[in-house]
Amino acid sequence: MVSIKEAIVVEGKYDKIKLSSLVDAVIIVTNGFRIFKDKEKMELIRYYAKTTGIVILTDSDSAGRRIRGYIKGAVGGNVRNVYIPDIFGKEKRKEKPSAEGKLGVEGVSADVIREAFRKAGIESGDNERKHDITVTTLYELGLSGGRESSLLRQKLQKSLGLPSLMSASALIEVLNTMMDASELTERIKALKEDKNAI
């Protein structure tokens, strides 16, 4: 079990149960979209954002993205994001898959969650990697501003096991925890050469 100093924000109680077996940390449940109206819960999240920092771990679907964006906007800084990849399937306790057919935090394996934390640079303590991937880097590598940019971004995200629904700023944030600009340049070169990648 890994000890994490930040408070971790998840969507539901089953996400909390899953995570509790993997990490020793304060885990706060948003109860899905109820967080939009729960002032007390938001105050608690703001408190942890100011004191220890928070980690947001939501599902990779559009609902998870909305909740993540709302919390990040409401608390400002001292937020780290952990992203689970798009894995399609159905949680065991549910009768049918989610609207988008993706597994949530509760449905993915413990190894997938551990890897998502590793990619975010959280399990390894403070990340010493230089954060030199910027909006300009994405543009120069063809990941934004071009005709094929969206497709190339999707190829990159899939190759890294990241969800398909990520804003450019979220992608930059997670890329900076995983690699530096030169490593990203090499990866993009390889993806452009691999006609089968997607």
Protein backbone atom coordinates (compact mmCIF):
# COMPACT_ATOMS: atom_id res chain seq x y z
CA MET A 1 0.00 0.00 0.00
CA VAL A 2 1.34 3.41 -0.99
CA SER A 3 1.03 6.39 1.34
CA ILE A 4 -0.05 9.59 -0.45
CA LYS A 5 0.02 12.93 1.37
CA GLU A 6 -2.56 14.63 -0.87
CA ALA A 7 -6.29 14.05 -0.44
CA ILE A 8 -7.72 12.06 -3.33
CA VAL A 9 -11.05 13.09 -4.86
CA VAL A 10 -13.15 10.35 -6.52
CA GLU A 11 -16.70 10.24 -7.87
CA GLY A 12 -18.40 7.46 -5.93
CA LYS A 13 -18.28 5.24 -2.86
CA TYR A 14 -17.28 2.18 -4.88
CA ASP A 15 -14.32 4.14 -6.28
CA LYS A 16 -13.34 4.93 -2.68
CA ILE A 17 -13.62 1.28 -1.64
CA LYS A 18 -11.40 0.22 -4.57
CA LEU A 19 -8.82 2.92 -3.88
CA SER A 20 -8.76 2.30 -0.12
CA SER A 21 -7.20 -1.11 -0.73
CA LEU A 22 -4.38 0.44 -2.77
CA VAL A 23 -3.42 3.71 -1.08
CA ASP A 24 -3.20 5.16 2.39
CA ALA A 25 -4.70 8.62 1.93
CA VAL A 26 -7.69 10.80 2.68
CA ILE A 27 -10.29 9.92 0.02
CA ILE A 28 -13.17 12.32 -0.63
CA VAL A 29 -16.25 11.21 -2.58
CA THR A 30 -18.05 13.80 -4.76
CA ASN A 31 -21.20 11.68 -5.20
CA GLY A 32 -21.10 12.44 -8.89
CA PHE A 33 -22.75 15.67 -10.03
CA ARG A 34 -23.97 16.37 -6.47
CA ILE A 35 -20.64 18.12 -5.95
CA PHE A 36 -21.97 21.03 -8.05
CA LYS A 37 -24.38 21.89 -5.20
CA ASP A 38 -22.58 20.52 -2.15
CA LYS A 39 -20.95 23.62 -0.64
CA GLU A 40 -19.67 21.81 2.45
CA LYS A 41 -17.92 19.14 0.40
CA MET A 42 -16.37 21.81 -1.82
CA GLU A 43 -15.10 23.65 1.25
CA LEU A 44 -13.49 20.41 2.43
CA ILE A 45 -11.85 19.90 -0.96
CA ARG A 46 -10.63 23.53 -0.95
CA TYR A 47 -9.20 23.02 2.52
CA TYR A 48 -7.16 20.03 1.38
CA ALA A 49 -6.12 21.84 -1.81
CA LYS A 50 -4.66 24.63 0.35
CA THR A 51 -3.03 22.39 2.95
CA THR A 52 -1.89 19.07 1.46
CA GLY A 53 -2.92 19.43 -2.16
CA ILE A 54 -5.44 17.19 -3.91
CA VAL A 55 -5.36 14.45 -6.50
CA ILE A 56 -8.39 14.15 -8.77
CA LEU A 57 -9.18 10.64 -10.01
CA THR A 58 -12.44 10.53 -11.95
CA ASP A 59 -13.76 8.18 -14.62
CA SER A 60 -12.52 8.72 -18.18
CA ASP A 61 -16.01 9.48 -19.53
CA SER A 62 -17.53 12.91 -20.20
CA ALA A 63 -19.19 13.02 -16.74
CA GLY A 64 -15.83 12.41 -15.07
CA ARG A 65 -14.27 15.10 -17.21
CA ARG A 66 -16.96 17.61 -16.19
CA ILE A 67 -16.54 16.83 -12.49
CA ARG A 68 -12.74 17.07 -12.78
CA GLY A 69 -12.98 20.42 -14.58
CA TYR A 70 -15.42 21.83 -12.06
CA ILE A 71 -13.29 20.88 -9.06
CA LYS A 72 -10.07 22.07 -10.65
CA GLY A 73 -11.67 25.41 -11.52
CA ALA A 74 -13.21 25.80 -8.06
CA VAL A 75 -10.03 25.17 -6.05
CA GLY A 76 -7.41 26.79 -8.25
CA GLY A 77 -3.89 25.46 -7.80
CA ASN A 78 -2.30 22.59 -5.89
CA VAL A 79 -4.17 19.97 -7.94
CA ARG A 80 -2.68 16.89 -9.53
CA ASN A 81 -4.63 14.73 -11.95
CA VAL A 82 -4.58 10.97 -12.34
CA TYR A 83 -6.19 9.63 -15.51
CA ILE A 84 -7.37 6.08 -16.10
CA PRO A 85 -7.35 4.95 -19.74
CA ASP A 86 -10.44 4.28 -21.84
CA ILE A 87 -11.26 0.65 -21.11
CA PHE A 88 -14.60 -0.56 -22.40
CA GLY A 89 -16.74 -2.94 -20.43
CA LYS A 90 -19.26 -3.18 -17.59
CA GLU A 91 -18.75 -3.05 -13.84
CA LYS A 92 -19.67 -6.33 -12.13
CA ARG A 93 -22.27 -4.78 -9.83
CA LYS A 94 -24.14 -3.04 -12.68
CA GLU A 95 -26.74 -4.55 -14.97
CA LYS A 96 -25.53 -2.70 -18.06
CA PRO A 97 -22.50 -0.65 -19.14
CA SER A 98 -22.30 3.11 -18.61
CA ALA A 99 -23.66 5.44 -21.30
CA GLU A 100 -20.25 5.63 -22.98
CA GLY A 101 -19.45 1.97 -22.31
CA LYS A 102 -16.26 2.75 -20.38
CA LEU A 103 -15.19 1.23 -17.10
CA GLY A 104 -14.92 3.66 -14.23
CA VAL A 105 -12.38 3.74 -11.44
CA GLU A 106 -14.22 0.95 -9.59
CA GLY A 107 -14.19 -1.30 -12.66
CA VAL A 108 -10.55 -1.15 -13.73
CA SER A 109 -7.91 -3.41 -12.23
CA ALA A 110 -5.66 -2.43 -9.36
CA ASP A 111 -2.69 -2.59 -11.76
CA VAL A 112 -4.33 -0.05 -14.07
CA ILE A 113 -4.86 2.32 -11.13
CA ARG A 114 -1.28 1.85 -9.91
CA GLU A 115 0.02 2.57 -13.41
CA ALA A 116 -2.17 5.68 -13.67
CA PHE A 117 -0.66 6.99 -10.40
CA ARG A 118 2.83 6.13 -11.65
CA LYS A 119 2.22 8.02 -14.90
CA ALA A 120 1.11 11.03 -12.88
CA GLY A 121 4.39 10.87 -10.96
CA ILE A 122 2.62 10.44 -7.64
CA GLU A 123 3.90 7.12 -6.28
CA SER A 124 7.51 8.01 -6.91
CA GLY A 125 7.36 11.10 -4.68
CA ASP A 126 8.31 14.47 -6.05
CA ASN A 127 9.01 14.28 -9.75
CA GLU A 128 12.43 15.62 -10.68
CA ARG A 129 11.62 15.65 -14.40
CA LYS A 130 11.84 19.05 -16.04
CA HIS A 131 8.45 20.30 -17.17
CA ASP A 132 9.33 21.59 -20.62
CA ILE A 133 6.27 20.47 -22.62
CA THR A 134 4.14 23.53 -23.41
CA VAL A 135 1.36 24.62 -25.75
CA THR A 136 4.11 25.61 -28.19
CA THR A 137 5.59 22.10 -27.98
CA LEU A 138 2.23 20.59 -28.95
CA TYR A 139 1.95 22.98 -31.88
CA GLU A 140 5.50 22.34 -33.11
CA LEU A 141 4.98 18.57 -32.97
CA GLY A 142 1.69 18.75 -34.89
CA LEU A 143 -0.49 17.93 -31.88
CA SER A 144 -2.44 21.19 -32.18
CA GLY A 145 -3.31 23.74 -34.82
CA GLY A 146 -3.06 21.43 -37.82
CA ARG A 147 -5.38 19.43 -40.04
CA GLU A 148 -4.28 16.07 -38.61
CA SER A 149 -3.66 17.32 -35.04
CA SER A 150 -6.72 15.71 -33.48
CA LEU A 151 -5.92 12.30 -34.98
CA LEU A 152 -2.28 12.51 -33.89
CA ARG A 153 -3.34 13.49 -30.34
CA GLN A 154 -5.70 10.49 -30.24
CA LYS A 155 -2.87 8.18 -31.38
CA LEU A 156 -0.58 9.60 -28.71
CA GLN A 157 -3.17 9.32 -25.93
CA LYS A 158 -4.03 5.75 -26.90
CA SER A 159 -0.34 4.75 -27.06
CA LEU A 160 0.17 6.14 -23.55
CA GLY A 161 -2.99 4.53 -22.12
CA LEU A 162 -4.65 7.90 -21.50
CA PRO A 163 -8.37 8.64 -21.91
CA SER A 164 -9.52 10.10 -25.22
CA LEU A 165 -11.37 12.99 -23.53
CA MET A 166 -8.58 15.32 -22.42
CA SER A 167 -8.17 19.04 -22.94
CA ALA A 168 -4.86 20.34 -24.29
CA SER A 169 -3.91 21.71 -20.86
CA ALA A 170 -4.70 18.38 -19.17
CA LEU A 171 -2.63 16.56 -21.79
CA ILE A 172 0.32 18.92 -21.23
CA GLU A 173 0.07 18.41 -17.47
CA VAL A 174 0.14 14.62 -17.66
CA LEU A 175 2.81 14.52 -20.39
CA ASN A 176 5.10 16.59 -18.17
CA THR A 177 4.82 13.92 -15.46
CA MET A 178 5.66 11.16 -17.93
CA MET A 179 8.40 12.55 -20.17
CA ASP A 180 10.30 15.62 -21.29
CA ALA A 181 9.98 17.41 -24.64
CA SER A 182 12.76 15.40 -26.32
CA GLU A 183 11.13 12.08 -25.31
CA LEU A 184 7.78 13.37 -26.60
CA THR A 185 9.42 14.36 -29.89
CA GLU A 186 10.77 10.82 -30.32
CA ARG A 187 7.39 9.28 -29.50
CA ILE A 188 5.60 11.51 -32.01
CA LYS A 189 8.18 10.66 -34.68
CA ALA A 190 7.56 6.95 -34.08
CA LEU A 191 3.76 7.42 -34.17
CA LYS A 192 3.97 9.30 -37.48
CA GLU A 193 6.07 6.48 -38.94
CA ASP A 194 3.70 3.76 -37.67
CA LYS A 195 0.77 3.75 -40.09
CA ASN A 196 -1.03 1.12 -37.97
CA ALA A 197 -1.08 3.23 -34.79
CA ILE A 198 -4.54 4.23 -33.50
